[in-house]
Amino acid sequence: MAKQDHNGQGHATEVPDVSYIKNVDVTHETSDVNVPALLKFVLALTIMTAVVYVLMLFLFSFLNAQETNNEPPPGPMAMSEQESLPPEPRLQSAPGFAADLARSADDKNYDKPRDPLWEIHVLRQQWDRDLLEGAKDQSGRTLGMPIKDAMEKFVAEQSAKASANKAAQNVESYDDDLPTAASSGRVSTKGKQ
């Protein structure tokens, strides 16, 4: 391509021929990523991770078994598993709660393996039965009365208190009207207005 200078004459720019220059040490990549080598590396890494995981499982099971064998037997004063349970009433997550509750459960109503709330259903049945029939302990002693009887007893007590209070108020108002020895026969006017 020719350029014109300020005199109007054309000036030709030439690109030198450099095809004869070669450097053997400098070459270009034929590909950005070597995919087969990368896949081999990922596969080898996955296999090694699985092998290490299995070896660690064996190591921990061996160390656990070794520690269990070296554990001394419990002392003669140590409590048994049943003795070490917390006192009643036990929380749901306390050891032994589900076993005691399962003995009193009605197996027809709730399928324990499939229903995760079977314990609360059985416990609510037990509470409802205690409210309707009265609570009893394991030896059969009555610990509480049915709710219907308790409500009737409460109403009777409240009505007895109300009638006693009314009678006491009547006596007090009658006593206010009577003269006392200190009043010299005069009737007080504090209650009258």
Protein backbone atom coordinates (compact mmCIF):
# COMPACT_ATOMS: atom_id res chain seq x y z
CA MET A 1 0.00 0.00 0.00
CA ALA A 2 1.35 3.33 -0.90
CA LYS A 3 1.20 6.42 1.21
CA GLN A 4 1.57 9.94 -0.03
CA ASP A 5 3.92 12.29 1.67
CA HIS A 6 3.61 16.09 1.87
CA ASN A 7 5.02 16.51 -1.65
CA GLY A 8 2.29 14.34 -3.12
CA GLN A 9 4.65 11.58 -4.06
CA GLY A 10 3.84 8.02 -3.08
CA HIS A 11 5.87 6.23 -0.47
CA ALA A 12 5.84 2.46 -0.32
CA THR A 13 6.25 0.66 3.04
CA GLU A 14 7.87 -2.69 2.88
CA VAL A 15 7.59 -5.51 5.43
CA PRO A 16 10.80 -7.40 5.70
CA ASP A 17 10.78 -11.11 5.09
CA VAL A 18 11.42 -12.89 8.44
CA SER A 19 10.45 -16.39 7.40
CA TYR A 20 14.01 -17.55 7.58
CA ILE A 21 14.19 -16.80 11.38
CA LYS A 22 13.35 -19.92 13.43
CA ASN A 23 13.69 -20.64 17.15
CA VAL A 24 13.46 -24.33 17.95
CA ASP A 25 12.91 -23.73 21.69
CA VAL A 26 9.75 -21.63 21.20
CA THR A 27 6.64 -23.42 19.95
CA HIS A 28 2.92 -22.88 20.32
CA GLU A 29 0.42 -25.20 22.13
CA THR A 30 -1.64 -27.50 20.03
CA SER A 31 -4.40 -27.53 22.68
CA ASP A 32 -5.25 -25.42 25.75
CA VAL A 33 -6.07 -28.47 27.97
CA ASN A 34 -4.89 -32.04 27.83
CA VAL A 35 -8.31 -33.66 28.56
CA PRO A 36 -7.20 -37.33 28.85
CA ALA A 37 -4.48 -36.43 31.35
CA LEU A 38 -6.90 -34.31 33.37
CA LEU A 39 -9.49 -37.13 33.49
CA LYS A 40 -6.83 -39.61 34.58
CA PHE A 41 -5.81 -37.24 37.41
CA VAL A 42 -9.42 -36.79 38.62
CA LEU A 43 -10.03 -40.55 38.49
CA ALA A 44 -6.83 -41.28 40.40
CA LEU A 45 -7.71 -38.62 43.01
CA THR A 46 -11.19 -40.11 43.49
CA ILE A 47 -9.82 -43.62 43.89
CA MET A 48 -7.20 -42.47 46.39
CA THR A 49 -9.84 -40.58 48.40
CA ALA A 50 -12.01 -43.73 48.62
CA VAL A 51 -9.00 -45.83 49.64
CA VAL A 52 -8.02 -43.35 52.36
CA TYR A 53 -11.63 -43.27 53.63
CA VAL A 54 -11.78 -47.08 53.90
CA LEU A 55 -8.40 -47.20 55.61
CA MET A 56 -9.51 -44.57 58.15
CA LEU A 57 -12.66 -46.61 58.90
CA PHE A 58 -10.54 -49.67 59.60
CA LEU A 59 -8.15 -47.61 61.74
CA PHE A 60 -10.92 -46.11 63.87
CA SER A 61 -12.70 -49.45 64.33
CA PHE A 62 -9.38 -51.04 65.36
CA LEU A 63 -8.62 -48.24 67.84
CA ASN A 64 -12.16 -48.38 69.24
CA ALA A 65 -11.97 -52.15 69.73
CA GLN A 66 -8.55 -51.78 71.38
CA GLU A 67 -9.88 -49.13 73.79
CA THR A 68 -12.93 -51.25 74.63
CA ASN A 69 -10.72 -54.23 75.45
CA ASN A 70 -8.51 -52.11 77.71
CA GLU A 71 -11.46 -50.58 79.62
CA PRO A 72 -11.58 -51.82 83.22
CA PRO A 73 -14.77 -53.51 84.46
CA PRO A 74 -17.21 -51.32 86.40
CA GLY A 75 -16.68 -51.09 90.13
CA PRO A 76 -18.86 -52.99 92.59
CA MET A 77 -20.66 -49.78 93.65
CA ALA A 78 -21.45 -48.70 90.08
CA MET A 79 -25.14 -48.32 89.27
CA SER A 80 -26.78 -50.54 86.70
CA GLU A 81 -28.34 -49.04 83.59
CA GLN A 82 -31.84 -49.17 85.12
CA GLU A 83 -30.62 -47.51 88.35
CA SER A 84 -28.91 -44.68 86.46
CA LEU A 85 -32.11 -43.59 84.70
CA PRO A 86 -33.44 -40.16 85.70
CA PRO A 87 -36.46 -40.03 88.02
CA GLU A 88 -40.02 -39.99 86.72
CA PRO A 89 -41.45 -38.19 84.78
CA ARG A 90 -38.84 -38.64 82.09
CA LEU A 91 -38.45 -36.35 79.14
CA GLN A 92 -38.95 -37.79 75.70
CA SER A 93 -35.25 -37.90 74.90
CA ALA A 94 -34.31 -39.43 78.27
CA PRO A 95 -33.12 -43.03 78.10
CA GLY A 96 -35.84 -45.50 79.01
CA PHE A 97 -38.78 -43.16 78.30
CA ALA A 98 -39.85 -44.85 75.09
CA ALA A 99 -39.48 -48.35 76.55
CA ASP A 100 -41.79 -47.60 79.50
CA LEU A 101 -44.26 -45.84 77.25
CA ALA A 102 -44.24 -48.67 74.71
CA ARG A 103 -45.40 -51.13 77.39
CA SER A 104 -48.49 -49.01 78.03
CA ALA A 105 -49.12 -48.18 74.37
CA ASP A 106 -52.09 -49.46 72.47
CA ASP A 107 -50.30 -50.99 69.47
CA LYS A 108 -53.46 -51.09 67.33
CA ASN A 109 -53.85 -47.32 67.18
CA TYR A 110 -50.31 -46.16 66.36
CA ASP A 111 -47.70 -47.78 64.21
CA LYS A 112 -44.49 -46.93 66.05
CA PRO A 113 -41.95 -47.40 63.26
CA ARG A 114 -43.86 -45.26 60.75
CA ASP A 115 -45.32 -42.55 62.99
CA PRO A 116 -42.58 -40.32 64.45
CA LEU A 117 -45.04 -38.81 66.93
CA TRP A 118 -46.26 -42.12 68.41
CA GLU A 119 -44.87 -41.28 71.84
CA ILE A 120 -46.82 -38.04 72.16
CA HIS A 121 -50.01 -39.73 70.91
CA VAL A 122 -49.71 -42.45 73.57
CA LEU A 123 -48.85 -39.87 76.23
CA ARG A 124 -51.88 -37.76 75.34
CA GLN A 125 -54.10 -40.85 75.51
CA GLN A 126 -52.75 -41.52 78.99
CA TRP A 127 -53.37 -37.89 80.06
CA ASP A 128 -56.93 -37.94 78.69
CA ARG A 129 -57.61 -41.22 80.52
CA ASP A 130 -56.25 -39.67 83.74
CA LEU A 131 -58.51 -36.62 83.31
CA LEU A 132 -61.62 -38.72 82.75
CA GLU A 133 -61.00 -41.59 85.17
CA GLY A 134 -58.57 -40.09 87.66
CA ALA A 135 -54.82 -40.62 87.93
CA LYS A 136 -53.49 -43.77 89.53
CA ASP A 137 -49.92 -44.82 90.21
CA GLN A 138 -48.40 -48.21 89.38
CA SER A 139 -49.56 -49.78 92.64
CA GLY A 140 -53.17 -48.72 91.98
CA ARG A 141 -53.40 -45.88 94.51
CA THR A 142 -55.51 -42.95 93.38
CA LEU A 143 -53.43 -39.82 92.89
CA GLY A 144 -56.14 -37.57 91.48
CA MET A 145 -59.85 -37.47 90.81
CA PRO A 146 -61.65 -37.24 87.49
CA ILE A 147 -61.98 -33.69 86.21
CA LYS A 148 -65.78 -33.76 86.34
CA ASP A 149 -65.72 -34.65 90.07
CA ALA A 150 -63.05 -32.02 90.72
CA MET A 151 -65.14 -29.33 89.03
CA GLU A 152 -68.23 -30.27 91.07
CA LYS A 153 -66.20 -30.23 94.29
CA PHE A 154 -64.75 -26.82 93.41
CA VAL A 155 -68.19 -25.34 92.69
CA ALA A 156 -69.55 -26.74 95.97
CA GLU A 157 -66.62 -25.26 97.93
CA GLN A 158 -67.04 -21.88 96.23
CA SER A 159 -70.77 -21.75 96.94
CA ALA A 160 -70.14 -22.71 100.60
CA LYS A 161 -67.54 -19.92 100.90
CA ALA A 162 -69.92 -17.42 99.26
CA SER A 163 -72.79 -18.27 101.62
CA ALA A 164 -70.44 -18.09 104.64
CA ASN A 165 -69.19 -14.67 103.49
CA LYS A 166 -72.76 -13.44 103.00
CA ALA A 167 -73.77 -14.60 106.48
CA ALA A 168 -70.68 -12.96 107.98
CA GLN A 169 -71.54 -9.67 106.25
CA ASN A 170 -75.10 -9.80 107.62
CA VAL A 171 -73.79 -10.39 111.16
CA GLU A 172 -71.32 -7.52 110.83
CA SER A 173 -74.01 -5.10 109.61
CA TYR A 174 -76.28 -6.13 112.51
CA ASP A 175 -73.44 -5.66 115.01
CA ASP A 176 -72.78 -2.15 113.67
CA ASP A 177 -76.32 -1.04 114.60
CA LEU A 178 -76.15 -2.23 118.24
CA PRO A 179 -74.82 0.13 120.89
CA THR A 180 -71.85 -1.05 122.91
CA ALA A 181 -70.93 -0.44 126.52
CA ALA A 182 -68.33 2.09 125.50
CA SER A 183 -70.80 4.08 123.43
CA SER A 184 -73.07 4.91 126.41
CA GLY A 185 -76.10 3.87 124.41
CA ARG A 186 -75.36 5.94 121.34
CA VAL A 187 -75.54 4.27 117.92
CA SER A 188 -72.57 4.87 115.66
CA THR A 189 -73.20 6.43 112.27
CA LYS A 190 -70.18 5.12 110.40
CA GLY A 191 -72.19 2.59 108.36
CA LYS A 192 -75.22 4.86 107.82
CA GLN A 193 -75.23 7.59 105.24
